[in-house]
Each structure stands twice: as C-alpha cells, then as structure tokens.
Amino acid sequence: MVEQRPLSKFVAHAILVAGIVIVAFPVYLTLIASTHEPADIVNGTMGLLPGHMGVTHYFDALFSGTKQIKSTPVLQMMGNSLVMALVIAIGKIAISIISAYAVVFFRFPFRMFFFWTIFVTLMLPVEVRIYPTYKVVADLGLLNTYAGLTIPLIASATATLLFRQFFLTIPDELVEAAQIDGAGPMKFFRDIVLPLSLTNIAALFVILFIYGWNQYLWPLLITTDSGMDTIVYGIRRMIVTSDANTDWHIVMATTMLAMLPPVFVVVVMQRLFVKGLVDTEK
C-alpha cells in the first residue's frame, strides 16, 4: 500500500499549478490584449482585466483583417489552414496505413527493401529537401494552389512505421480465420484491420492535424497570393517593423482564433488519442 504523505502531495500539486500558470499566462495575456484599444497595447497601459472592444476586434479580424496593412480576413486564412491540415492528416494516414498493410500482410519481392526505403526518408524532412521539392512543385504549376500546399507533405515514414509495428501484433490465427471464412485482402482490411486500428488512427490524426495546421515554412515558400495565406503565416504578415503600424489588437485576436481548431480537435478526440498512445490492447 502506498503511504500518503501530505507534504509531498502538496509539493507535487504546487509544481503542477505553477506549470499551468506559466503555460496559461501568455495565452491569458493574449486574450486580454485582444479586447483592449490598440493605444493601450502600444503604450503599455493595458491592464490584466478584459476590455470592452472584444466583440468588435474579433469581428474585424474574422471579416476585415488589419487596417494598417491590408491583410487577408482571418476566416479565409483559417479556411486555407483547415484544408491544408485535413488533407495532410487524412492523406498521411491513408497512404501510411495502406503501405504498412502491404508490407506486413503481403509477400512480394523486395518487400523489406521498400519498407526500409520508406524508413530512410525520416532523415530527409521537408527542410532538408526544400529546394528540389519547391522546384518540382513550381515546374508542375502548383504554386498558390491547395495541391502545392499539401501533396509534398502527405507522405509519412513515421506513420507507416507505427502502423507496421501495430499490424505485427495482430495474431496469425486471426488472419487464418479470416481466410477460412472467405475474406479477401480488402475485406480483411476493411472489416478487421481498420476497426482494430481506430485508436492508432485517432492518435495520429490529432498529431498530424496540428502538424499541418502549424506549417509555416512551406506556405511561406509556396504561396505568393495573399488569398492563399494560412493562419500561421498570416499572423506573421500582420506584424510590421514599427509597433505603431501594427494592429496588435487584431493580431492578438487572430492568434486566439488560430488556437481554436487544434484545441477543438484535441478535446473531441482526447479519449481515443490517449488510448491510442498508451493502451496496449487496441
């Protein structure tokens, strides 16, 4: 039986509360700044309580953008980011689960060679192969398109490896039973493998959605049309050199709005996400 020690329990909770305060305070300050007048933010006279301009600032951010430098409305930028995040997450999962299924359950020449070829690409992230990737996308005429934003980022060696390791835990008796029942490869994949992989898919979806939503470098290179700005890159474009020329209240409101979709995905899929990471019995 574990002995309960009040002092150690208090210290542990105090550390947790301190950590929460350190992480949450900048978010709270951003929320407060988004409700105050621009002059209060620039002059440093902003208080720690909400102002009275919150609704106006959020409405302007969603539908108008900044006034000092004309920027894309946040609603449009969030739409671009949503398309990018969803296509990247769903595309990575679809390609990875099919690749892992083929490597584990099919016997064909050079099967492991192809798997290790996929695995080696872990050493070549987008930042390393940025020039040739950009050159290919530009030559194909995919600049300023959703295809250019998403297709180069879809392949995922990490997800393929994770699915492969999980598929290896499926007992051979289950595969043999499905074959005796007359289940073909696609039926076995649809009726058995996919339901068993649900928690893994959920965990990967959360991670990959946030990965796609937070992309900055690739949208910076691949888009020149402001109408294709993603939310993360759009926030950077709103900030100019002079503090006086930056609509900080709109920037802060945009930052808060940019947090909502990832937080929503995490909250909605939290149970499956945690289960997919820690539960050994899927």
Protein backbone atom coordinates (compact mmCIF):
# COMPACT_ATOMS: atom_id res chain seq x y z
CA MET A 1 0.00 0.00 0.00
CA VAL A 2 1.38 3.43 -0.95
CA GLU A 3 1.78 5.73 2.03
CA GLN A 4 0.07 9.09 1.64
CA ARG A 5 2.42 11.95 2.50
CA PRO A 6 0.60 15.29 2.71
CA LEU A 7 3.77 17.36 2.21
CA SER A 8 4.91 15.55 -0.94
CA LYS A 9 1.36 15.65 -2.29
CA PHE A 10 1.18 19.40 -1.67
CA VAL A 11 4.55 19.98 -3.35
CA ALA A 12 3.52 17.94 -6.39
CA HIS A 13 0.26 19.88 -6.76
CA ALA A 14 2.08 23.19 -6.28
CA ILE A 15 4.51 22.32 -9.07
CA LEU A 16 1.63 21.36 -11.35
CA VAL A 17 -0.24 24.59 -10.61
CA ALA A 18 2.92 26.64 -11.20
CA GLY A 19 3.44 24.88 -14.53
CA ILE A 20 -0.15 25.57 -15.57
CA VAL A 21 0.20 29.24 -14.65
CA ILE A 22 3.46 29.58 -16.62
CA VAL A 23 1.89 28.00 -19.70
CA ALA A 24 -1.51 29.65 -19.45
CA PHE A 25 -0.47 33.21 -18.56
CA PRO A 26 0.78 34.18 -22.07
CA VAL A 27 -2.46 32.81 -23.53
CA TYR A 28 -4.48 34.81 -20.99
CA LEU A 29 -2.45 37.93 -21.77
CA THR A 30 -3.11 37.45 -25.49
CA LEU A 31 -6.83 37.11 -24.81
CA ILE A 32 -6.85 40.28 -22.70
CA ALA A 33 -4.86 42.22 -25.31
CA SER A 34 -7.38 41.27 -27.99
CA THR A 35 -10.11 43.14 -26.09
CA HIS A 36 -8.27 46.43 -25.47
CA GLU A 37 -7.71 49.54 -27.56
CA PRO A 38 -4.59 49.48 -29.78
CA ALA A 39 -3.15 52.52 -27.97
CA ASP A 40 -3.30 50.70 -24.61
CA ILE A 41 -1.24 47.83 -26.02
CA VAL A 42 1.37 50.03 -27.71
CA ASN A 43 1.75 52.40 -24.73
CA GLY A 44 1.97 49.60 -22.19
CA THR A 45 -1.06 50.80 -20.22
CA MET A 46 -3.11 47.66 -20.78
CA GLY A 47 -4.46 46.10 -17.62
CA LEU A 48 -4.95 42.44 -16.74
CA LEU A 49 -8.73 42.60 -16.98
CA PRO A 50 -10.74 42.26 -20.21
CA GLY A 51 -11.52 45.43 -22.16
CA HIS A 52 -14.74 46.43 -23.87
CA MET A 53 -13.67 46.02 -27.51
CA GLY A 54 -13.56 42.24 -27.72
CA VAL A 55 -16.56 41.64 -29.98
CA THR A 56 -15.56 44.44 -32.36
CA HIS A 57 -11.95 43.28 -32.65
CA TYR A 58 -12.86 39.66 -33.28
CA PHE A 59 -15.44 40.65 -35.88
CA ASP A 60 -12.88 42.85 -37.65
CA ALA A 61 -10.28 40.08 -37.54
CA LEU A 62 -12.65 37.47 -38.96
CA PHE A 63 -14.09 39.51 -41.80
CA SER A 64 -11.82 42.51 -42.45
CA GLY A 65 -8.23 41.82 -41.40
CA THR A 66 -5.79 44.52 -40.38
CA LYS A 67 -6.25 48.13 -41.48
CA GLN A 68 -2.67 49.45 -41.40
CA ILE A 69 -1.56 46.88 -43.97
CA LYS A 70 -4.34 45.21 -45.91
CA SER A 71 -4.35 41.55 -44.92
CA THR A 72 -6.50 38.56 -45.74
CA PRO A 73 -9.51 38.15 -43.40
CA VAL A 74 -8.89 35.55 -40.71
CA LEU A 75 -11.89 33.48 -41.77
CA GLN A 76 -10.32 32.91 -45.18
CA MET A 77 -6.90 32.13 -43.71
CA MET A 78 -8.44 29.66 -41.28
CA GLY A 79 -10.22 28.01 -44.18
CA ASN A 80 -6.89 27.62 -46.01
CA SER A 81 -5.25 26.18 -42.91
CA LEU A 82 -8.18 23.83 -42.33
CA VAL A 83 -7.95 22.45 -45.86
CA MET A 84 -4.20 22.04 -45.52
CA ALA A 85 -4.38 20.35 -42.10
CA LEU A 86 -7.19 17.96 -43.06
CA VAL A 87 -5.67 16.93 -46.39
CA ILE A 88 -2.24 16.37 -44.82
CA ALA A 89 -3.64 14.40 -41.86
CA ILE A 90 -6.06 12.24 -43.87
CA GLY A 91 -3.58 11.79 -46.71
CA LYS A 92 -0.73 10.75 -44.44
CA ILE A 93 -2.93 8.25 -42.59
CA ALA A 94 -4.42 6.78 -45.78
CA ILE A 95 -1.09 6.30 -47.54
CA SER A 96 0.69 5.06 -44.41
CA ILE A 97 -1.92 2.50 -43.39
CA ILE A 98 -2.10 1.06 -46.92
CA SER A 99 1.71 0.93 -47.17
CA ALA A 100 2.04 -0.77 -43.78
CA TYR A 101 -0.73 -3.24 -44.63
CA ALA A 102 1.02 -4.22 -47.86
CA VAL A 103 4.38 -4.66 -46.14
CA VAL A 104 3.02 -6.80 -43.28
CA PHE A 105 0.34 -8.97 -44.91
CA PHE A 106 1.60 -9.43 -48.47
CA ARG A 107 4.60 -11.40 -49.63
CA PHE A 108 6.27 -9.87 -52.68
CA PRO A 109 9.87 -9.45 -53.89
CA PHE A 110 11.96 -6.77 -52.17
CA ARG A 111 9.22 -6.20 -49.61
CA MET A 112 11.59 -5.20 -46.81
CA PHE A 113 13.75 -3.20 -49.20
CA PHE A 114 10.78 -0.98 -49.99
CA PHE A 115 9.94 -0.67 -46.29
CA TRP A 116 13.47 0.43 -45.40
CA THR A 117 13.45 2.83 -48.34
CA ILE A 118 10.38 4.46 -46.81
CA PHE A 119 12.01 4.40 -43.37
CA VAL A 120 15.20 6.10 -44.60
CA THR A 121 13.16 9.13 -45.68
CA LEU A 122 12.92 10.02 -41.98
CA MET A 123 16.39 11.50 -42.44
CA LEU A 124 15.08 13.78 -45.21
CA PRO A 125 12.43 16.13 -43.77
CA VAL A 126 10.98 18.92 -45.88
CA GLU A 127 13.54 21.41 -44.55
CA VAL A 128 16.39 19.29 -45.94
CA ARG A 129 14.87 18.74 -49.41
CA ILE A 130 13.21 22.13 -49.61
CA TYR A 131 14.82 23.30 -52.88
CA PRO A 132 14.17 20.20 -55.05
CA THR A 133 10.65 19.93 -53.64
CA TYR A 134 9.94 23.56 -54.45
CA LYS A 135 11.44 23.13 -57.95
CA VAL A 136 9.18 20.16 -58.70
CA VAL A 137 6.07 21.94 -57.42
CA ALA A 138 6.91 25.08 -59.40
CA ASP A 139 7.56 23.11 -62.60
CA LEU A 140 4.20 21.39 -62.23
CA GLY A 141 2.45 24.76 -61.92
CA LEU A 142 1.22 24.08 -58.38
CA LEU A 143 2.28 27.36 -56.77
CA ASN A 144 -0.58 29.14 -54.97
CA THR A 145 -2.75 26.01 -55.03
CA TYR A 146 -4.03 23.65 -52.36
CA ALA A 147 -2.33 20.77 -54.19
CA GLY A 148 1.03 22.53 -53.87
CA LEU A 149 0.43 23.21 -50.19
CA THR A 150 -0.48 19.64 -49.30
CA ILE A 151 0.79 16.95 -51.69
CA PRO A 152 4.53 17.38 -50.92
CA LEU A 153 3.78 16.94 -47.19
CA ILE A 154 1.48 13.91 -47.40
CA ALA A 155 3.97 11.01 -47.29
CA SER A 156 4.91 9.95 -43.75
CA ALA A 157 7.51 7.34 -42.86
CA THR A 158 6.74 7.75 -39.15
CA ALA A 159 3.06 6.84 -39.55
CA THR A 160 3.98 3.90 -41.80
CA LEU A 161 6.35 2.58 -39.14
CA LEU A 162 3.77 2.97 -36.36
CA PHE A 163 1.08 1.16 -38.34
CA ARG A 164 3.52 -1.60 -39.31
CA GLN A 165 4.51 -2.20 -35.70
CA PHE A 166 0.85 -2.42 -34.71
CA PHE A 167 -0.06 -4.77 -37.58
CA LEU A 168 2.73 -7.11 -36.49
CA THR A 169 0.86 -7.63 -33.20
CA ILE A 170 -2.23 -8.99 -35.00
CA PRO A 171 -2.13 -12.78 -34.42
CA ASP A 172 -1.70 -15.11 -37.38
CA GLU A 173 -4.72 -17.09 -36.14
CA LEU A 174 -6.95 -14.09 -36.88
CA VAL A 175 -5.60 -13.86 -40.41
CA GLU A 176 -6.10 -17.59 -40.96
CA ALA A 177 -9.64 -17.46 -39.57
CA ALA A 178 -10.50 -14.65 -41.96
CA GLN A 179 -9.11 -16.66 -44.88
CA ILE A 180 -11.14 -19.71 -43.89
CA ASP A 181 -14.28 -17.53 -43.81
CA GLY A 182 -13.51 -16.46 -47.36
CA ALA A 183 -12.44 -12.91 -46.57
CA GLY A 184 -10.23 -11.45 -49.29
CA PRO A 185 -7.45 -8.89 -48.67
CA MET A 186 -9.73 -5.86 -48.97
CA LYS A 187 -12.49 -7.35 -46.81
CA PHE A 188 -9.94 -8.32 -44.14
CA PHE A 189 -8.54 -4.79 -44.29
CA ARG A 190 -11.97 -3.14 -44.10
CA ASP A 191 -13.67 -5.36 -41.53
CA ILE A 192 -10.80 -6.32 -39.23
CA VAL A 193 -7.68 -4.20 -39.65
CA LEU A 194 -9.38 -0.79 -39.80
CA PRO A 195 -11.57 -1.28 -36.67
CA LEU A 196 -8.54 -2.56 -34.74
CA SER A 197 -6.54 0.48 -35.87
CA LEU A 198 -9.12 3.08 -34.81
CA THR A 199 -7.27 4.32 -31.74
CA ASN A 200 -3.98 4.49 -33.63
CA ILE A 201 -5.67 6.44 -36.41
CA ALA A 202 -7.19 8.85 -33.89
CA ALA A 203 -3.86 9.46 -32.16
CA LEU A 204 -2.09 10.06 -35.46
CA PHE A 205 -4.89 12.29 -36.74
CA VAL A 206 -4.51 14.64 -33.78
CA ILE A 207 -0.73 14.83 -34.18
CA LEU A 208 -0.82 15.24 -37.95
CA PHE A 209 -3.66 17.78 -37.90
CA ILE A 210 -1.68 20.01 -35.57
CA TYR A 211 1.42 19.43 -37.72
CA GLY A 212 -0.45 20.60 -40.82
CA TRP A 213 -2.15 23.49 -39.05
CA ASN A 214 1.14 24.87 -37.70
CA GLN A 215 3.03 24.76 -41.01
CA TYR A 216 4.92 28.00 -41.63
CA LEU A 217 7.98 27.44 -43.84
CA TRP A 218 6.27 25.58 -46.68
CA PRO A 219 3.32 28.04 -47.09
CA LEU A 220 5.87 30.87 -46.92
CA LEU A 221 7.68 29.46 -49.96
CA ILE A 222 4.82 28.05 -51.99
CA THR A 223 2.32 30.92 -51.85
CA THR A 224 2.70 34.47 -53.15
CA ASP A 225 -1.02 35.24 -53.39
CA SER A 226 -2.34 36.68 -50.13
CA GLY A 227 -5.61 34.84 -50.75
CA MET A 228 -3.76 31.56 -50.11
CA ASP A 229 -2.26 32.65 -46.78
CA THR A 230 -2.54 30.14 -43.94
CA ILE A 231 -3.30 31.35 -40.44
CA VAL A 232 0.21 30.89 -39.02
CA TYR A 233 1.89 32.64 -41.94
CA GLY A 234 -0.87 35.26 -41.95
CA ILE A 235 -0.13 36.25 -38.35
CA ARG A 236 3.49 36.88 -39.31
CA ARG A 237 2.41 39.06 -42.25
CA MET A 238 0.25 41.18 -39.96
CA ILE A 239 3.28 42.20 -37.90
CA VAL A 240 5.29 45.03 -39.44
CA THR A 241 8.55 46.61 -38.30
CA SER A 242 7.05 49.55 -36.43
CA ASP A 243 4.87 48.81 -33.42
CA ALA A 244 2.79 51.89 -34.21
CA ASN A 245 1.89 50.48 -37.64
CA THR A 246 0.88 47.06 -36.34
CA ASP A 247 -2.75 46.45 -35.40
CA TRP A 248 -1.82 44.50 -32.28
CA HIS A 249 -5.41 44.08 -31.18
CA ILE A 250 -6.20 42.32 -34.48
CA VAL A 251 -3.01 40.26 -34.25
CA MET A 252 -3.93 39.12 -30.74
CA ALA A 253 -7.50 38.30 -31.77
CA THR A 254 -6.17 36.34 -34.75
CA THR A 255 -3.78 34.42 -32.50
CA MET A 256 -6.63 33.40 -30.21
CA LEU A 257 -8.76 32.32 -33.16
CA ALA A 258 -5.84 30.31 -34.57
CA MET A 259 -5.75 28.23 -31.37
CA LEU A 260 -9.38 27.14 -31.55
CA PRO A 261 -9.36 24.39 -34.24
CA PRO A 262 -6.35 22.46 -32.79
CA VAL A 263 -7.79 22.74 -29.29
CA PHE A 264 -11.18 21.55 -30.56
CA VAL A 265 -9.61 18.52 -32.27
CA VAL A 266 -7.64 17.59 -29.14
CA VAL A 267 -10.66 17.95 -26.84
CA VAL A 268 -13.02 15.99 -29.10
CA MET A 269 -10.55 13.16 -29.72
CA GLN A 270 -8.84 13.18 -26.34
CA ARG A 271 -10.09 9.79 -25.19
CA LEU A 272 -9.12 7.98 -28.37
CA PHE A 273 -5.87 9.95 -28.56
CA VAL A 274 -4.72 8.90 -25.09
CA LYS A 275 -5.89 5.32 -25.62
CA GLY A 276 -4.03 5.13 -28.90
CA LEU A 277 -0.81 6.21 -27.23
CA VAL A 278 -0.86 4.20 -24.01
CA ASP A 279 -3.28 1.29 -24.38
CA THR A 280 -1.66 -1.97 -25.44
CA GLU A 281 -4.97 -3.74 -26.05
CA LYS A 282 -6.48 -1.93 -29.01
